[in-house]
Protein backbone atom coordinates (compact mmCIF):
# COMPACT_ATOMS: atom_id res chain seq x y z
CA MET A 1 23.77 37.86 27.92
CA ASN A 2 25.80 35.92 25.42
CA SER A 3 26.90 37.88 22.37
CA GLN A 4 27.35 34.78 20.22
CA PRO A 5 24.61 34.04 17.67
CA GLN A 6 22.41 31.08 18.48
CA GLN A 7 22.92 27.96 16.39
CA SER A 8 20.00 25.99 15.07
CA VAL A 9 19.84 22.22 15.04
CA GLU A 10 18.27 20.41 12.12
CA TYR A 11 17.17 16.76 12.20
CA VAL A 12 17.49 15.01 8.85
CA SER A 13 16.17 11.51 8.23
CA ASN A 14 16.42 9.58 4.99
CA TYR A 15 13.08 8.24 3.86
CA ASP A 16 12.93 5.61 1.13
CA PRO A 17 9.34 5.31 -0.09
CA TYR A 18 10.07 2.03 -1.91
CA VAL A 19 11.41 0.33 1.22
CA TYR A 20 8.54 1.74 3.27
CA GLN A 21 5.91 0.52 0.77
CA THR A 22 7.49 -2.92 0.47
CA LEU A 23 7.73 -3.36 4.24
CA THR A 24 4.12 -2.26 4.80
CA SER A 25 3.01 -4.99 2.38
CA ILE A 26 4.53 -7.71 4.63
CA ILE A 27 3.29 -6.58 8.05
CA GLY A 28 2.42 -9.66 10.09
CA GLU A 29 4.96 -11.87 8.28
CA LYS A 30 8.01 -13.51 9.82
CA ILE A 31 11.18 -11.76 8.64
CA VAL A 32 14.93 -11.62 9.14
CA VAL A 33 16.65 -8.21 9.22
CA GLN A 34 20.39 -7.60 8.97
CA LEU A 35 21.55 -4.40 10.65
CA SER A 36 24.56 -2.23 9.91
CA ASN A 37 26.40 -3.70 12.92
CA ASN A 38 26.08 -7.16 11.24
CA SER A 39 23.55 -8.44 13.78
CA LEU A 40 20.44 -10.30 12.67
CA VAL A 41 16.95 -9.81 14.07
CA GLN A 42 14.30 -12.45 13.44
CA GLY A 43 10.64 -12.11 14.29
CA VAL A 44 7.27 -10.90 13.12
CA LEU A 45 7.09 -7.48 11.46
CA SER A 46 4.41 -5.76 13.52
CA GLN A 47 4.72 -2.10 12.54
CA VAL A 48 6.29 0.06 9.83
CA LEU A 49 6.84 3.81 10.12
CA PRO A 50 8.90 6.10 7.88
CA ASP A 51 11.87 6.17 10.29
CA HIS A 52 11.70 2.74 11.98
CA ILE A 53 10.15 -0.71 12.03
CA VAL A 54 9.02 -2.89 14.93
CA VAL A 55 9.89 -6.59 14.90
CA GLU A 56 8.43 -8.76 17.66
CA LYS A 57 10.06 -11.91 18.98
CA ASN A 58 8.55 -13.79 21.93
CA LYS A 59 6.17 -10.84 22.49
CA THR A 60 9.16 -8.49 22.88
CA PRO A 61 9.24 -5.53 20.46
CA PHE A 62 12.52 -4.53 18.81
CA PHE A 63 12.51 -0.99 17.41
CA ILE A 64 14.87 -0.80 14.43
CA ARG A 65 15.80 2.45 12.71
CA THR A 66 15.27 2.19 8.95
CA GLN A 67 18.72 3.73 8.37
CA GLN A 68 20.33 0.77 10.17
CA ILE A 69 18.77 -1.85 7.88
CA ILE A 70 21.07 -3.55 5.35
CA TRP A 71 18.54 -6.10 4.06
CA VAL A 72 15.23 -7.74 4.93
CA SER A 73 14.16 -11.25 3.92
CA PRO A 74 11.20 -13.50 4.62
CA SER A 75 11.95 -15.98 7.38
CA ILE A 76 11.71 -19.56 6.15
CA ASN A 77 10.80 -22.12 8.77
CA LYS A 78 12.23 -25.57 8.14
CA GLY A 79 10.15 -28.32 9.51
């Protein structure tokens, strides 16, 4: 009973095939990820999807949106 036209909502996600392909090639490796809020996440890259990655640390999964990633680097253990 509302005479206003209905608005549609569109979900848009940036997909970078180069980042996706590179990340899929290092699944199972230890990595460090810097996020857009300047925090760092270190752990094992366990899963890569077009819109997010999963990094596990101490058996705890961290789901990180691909759009929030600034850079990714291999984690180098000093020992």
